[in-house]
Amino acid sequence: MELKTADAPFRAKIFIGSCEVLSTWAAACPKCNQLFRLLWPFWVLHLPLHRVVDLRCPFCRYPFSEIAGSLSPYGKSEHLTSGEVEGFL
């Protein structure tokens, strides 16, 4: 598992799968149903669709995992609360 370091800066936009445009990605917490945008470690620029992404809801702090292909591109996410990606397989 690749983990973030505590001092790493984050980026909001990456490529997932065959996406040709840097995009902001969002996830919905399965516990509280809140939508939040994802912040990725600075060294992540592209992620295959099959990778499992470990997340933690910024609202209820519930940890969960999503397959990268199930994340949603979200164009107008500036108003969304940010949640850091905690790791991926």
C-alpha atoms as a PDB file:
ATOM      1  CA  MET A   1       0.000   0.000   0.000  1.00  0.00           C
ATOM      2  CA  GLU A   2       1.261   3.458  -0.853  1.00  0.00           C
ATOM      3  CA  LEU A   3       0.722   5.958   1.930  1.00  0.00           C
ATOM      4  CA  LYS A   4       0.909   9.724   2.044  1.00  0.00           C
ATOM      5  CA  THR A   5       3.500  11.447   4.168  1.00  0.00           C
ATOM      6  CA  ALA A   6       2.455  14.009   6.754  1.00  0.00           C
ATOM      7  CA  ASP A   7       4.331  16.867   5.071  1.00  0.00           C
ATOM      8  CA  ALA A   8       3.272  16.167   1.454  1.00  0.00           C
ATOM      9  CA  PRO A   9       1.351  18.902  -0.339  1.00  0.00           C
ATOM     10  CA  PHE A  10      -1.826  17.863  -2.103  1.00  0.00           C
ATOM     11  CA  ARG A  11      -3.348  18.431  -5.531  1.00  0.00           C
ATOM     12  CA  ALA A  12      -7.034  18.623  -6.401  1.00  0.00           C
ATOM     13  CA  LYS A  13      -6.911  17.409 -10.032  1.00  0.00           C
ATOM     14  CA  ILE A  14      -5.648  14.121 -11.468  1.00  0.00           C
ATOM     15  CA  PHE A  15      -6.370  11.725 -14.337  1.00  0.00           C
ATOM     16  CA  ILE A  16      -8.309   8.522 -13.589  1.00  0.00           C
ATOM     17  CA  GLY A  17      -8.510   5.781 -16.207  1.00  0.00           C
ATOM     18  CA  SER A  18      -8.589   7.048 -19.779  1.00  0.00           C
ATOM     19  CA  CYS A  19      -9.740  10.529 -18.766  1.00  0.00           C
ATOM     20  CA  GLU A  20      -7.865  12.998 -20.998  1.00  0.00           C
ATOM     21  CA  VAL A  21      -8.410  16.091 -18.877  1.00  0.00           C
ATOM     22  CA  LEU A  22      -7.154  16.802 -15.369  1.00  0.00           C
ATOM     23  CA  SER A  23     -10.284  16.557 -13.269  1.00  0.00           C
ATOM     24  CA  THR A  24     -11.418  17.106  -9.726  1.00  0.00           C
ATOM     25  CA  TRP A  25     -12.916  13.954  -8.238  1.00  0.00           C
ATOM     26  CA  ALA A  26     -15.596  13.600  -5.577  1.00  0.00           C
ATOM     27  CA  ALA A  27     -16.853  10.816  -3.331  1.00  0.00           C
ATOM     28  CA  ALA A  28     -19.941  10.370  -1.185  1.00  0.00           C
ATOM     29  CA  CYS A  29     -19.613   8.979   2.306  1.00  0.00           C
ATOM     30  CA  PRO A  30     -21.585   5.717   2.673  1.00  0.00           C
ATOM     31  CA  LYS A  31     -22.339   6.541   6.316  1.00  0.00           C
ATOM     32  CA  CYS A  32     -23.499  10.199   6.279  1.00  0.00           C
ATOM     33  CA  ASN A  33     -24.091  10.615   2.494  1.00  0.00           C
ATOM     34  CA  GLN A  34     -22.118  13.882   2.361  1.00  0.00           C
ATOM     35  CA  LEU A  35     -20.315  14.653  -0.905  1.00  0.00           C
ATOM     36  CA  PHE A  36     -16.704  15.872  -0.700  1.00  0.00           C
ATOM     37  CA  ARG A  37     -13.890  16.547  -3.154  1.00  0.00           C
ATOM     38  CA  LEU A  38     -10.686  14.574  -3.002  1.00  0.00           C
ATOM     39  CA  LEU A  39      -7.204  15.939  -2.444  1.00  0.00           C
ATOM     40  CA  TRP A  40      -4.436  13.677  -3.741  1.00  0.00           C
ATOM     41  CA  PRO A  41      -0.787  13.466  -2.656  1.00  0.00           C
ATOM     42  CA  PHE A  42       1.277  15.713  -4.957  1.00  0.00           C
ATOM     43  CA  TRP A  43       3.059  12.748  -6.574  1.00  0.00           C
ATOM     44  CA  VAL A  44      -0.197  11.213  -7.873  1.00  0.00           C
ATOM     45  CA  LEU A  45      -1.121  12.378 -11.362  1.00  0.00           C
ATOM     46  CA  HIS A  46      -2.767   9.315 -12.932  1.00  0.00           C
ATOM     47  CA  LEU A  47      -4.623   6.403 -11.379  1.00  0.00           C
ATOM     48  CA  PRO A  48      -5.883   3.260 -13.168  1.00  0.00           C
ATOM     49  CA  LEU A  49      -9.597   2.500 -12.878  1.00  0.00           C
ATOM     50  CA  HIS A  50      -9.016  -0.706 -10.885  1.00  0.00           C
ATOM     51  CA  ARG A  51      -7.077   0.873  -7.979  1.00  0.00           C
ATOM     52  CA  VAL A  52      -8.712   0.853  -4.542  1.00  0.00           C
ATOM     53  CA  VAL A  53      -8.632   4.295  -2.906  1.00  0.00           C
ATOM     54  CA  ASP A  54      -8.746   4.644   0.902  1.00  0.00           C
ATOM     55  CA  LEU A  55     -10.738   7.665   2.067  1.00  0.00           C
ATOM     56  CA  ARG A  56     -11.948   9.231   5.308  1.00  0.00           C
ATOM     57  CA  CYS A  57     -15.056  11.388   5.354  1.00  0.00           C
ATOM     58  CA  PRO A  58     -14.190  14.947   6.478  1.00  0.00           C
ATOM     59  CA  PHE A  59     -17.638  15.265   8.080  1.00  0.00           C
ATOM     60  CA  CYS A  60     -18.102  12.124  10.197  1.00  0.00           C
ATOM     61  CA  ARG A  61     -14.484  10.791   9.967  1.00  0.00           C
ATOM     62  CA  TYR A  62     -15.769   7.403   8.723  1.00  0.00           C
ATOM     63  CA  PRO A  63     -13.006   5.449   6.893  1.00  0.00           C
ATOM     64  CA  PHE A  64     -14.000   3.660   3.683  1.00  0.00           C
ATOM     65  CA  SER A  65     -12.602   2.498   0.360  1.00  0.00           C
ATOM     66  CA  GLU A  66     -13.746   3.072  -3.224  1.00  0.00           C
ATOM     67  CA  ILE A  67     -12.573   1.699  -6.554  1.00  0.00           C
ATOM     68  CA  ALA A  68     -11.104   4.586  -8.587  1.00  0.00           C
ATOM     69  CA  GLY A  69     -13.485   3.845 -11.458  1.00  0.00           C
ATOM     70  CA  SER A  70     -16.486   4.516  -9.205  1.00  0.00           C
ATOM     71  CA  LEU A  71     -15.359   8.039  -8.228  1.00  0.00           C
ATOM     72  CA  SER A  72     -17.194  10.934  -9.867  1.00  0.00           C
ATOM     73  CA  PRO A  73     -15.543  13.763 -11.805  1.00  0.00           C
ATOM     74  CA  TYR A  74     -16.848  16.982 -10.310  1.00  0.00           C
ATOM     75  CA  GLY A  75     -16.312  20.181 -12.266  1.00  0.00           C
ATOM     76  CA  LYS A  76     -17.566  22.780  -9.791  1.00  0.00           C
ATOM     77  CA  SER A  77     -16.146  21.391  -6.579  1.00  0.00           C
ATOM     78  CA  GLU A  78     -14.668  24.570  -5.102  1.00  0.00           C
ATOM     79  CA  HIS A  79     -17.663  24.836  -2.778  1.00  0.00           C
ATOM     80  CA  LEU A  80     -17.270  21.237  -1.568  1.00  0.00           C
ATOM     81  CA  THR A  81     -15.402  20.355   1.600  1.00  0.00           C
ATOM     82  CA  SER A  82     -12.073  18.676   0.873  1.00  0.00           C
ATOM     83  CA  GLY A  83     -11.053  15.241   2.070  1.00  0.00           C
ATOM     84  CA  GLU A  84      -7.524  13.848   1.691  1.00  0.00           C
ATOM     85  CA  VAL A  85      -6.884  10.503   0.047  1.00  0.00           C
ATOM     86  CA  GLU A  86      -5.273   8.372   2.751  1.00  0.00           C
ATOM     87  CA  GLY A  87      -3.784   5.692   0.529  1.00  0.00           C
ATOM     88  CA  PHE A  88      -4.460   3.278  -2.293  1.00  0.00           C
ATOM     89  CA  LEU A  89      -3.680  -0.261  -3.395  1.00  0.00           C
END
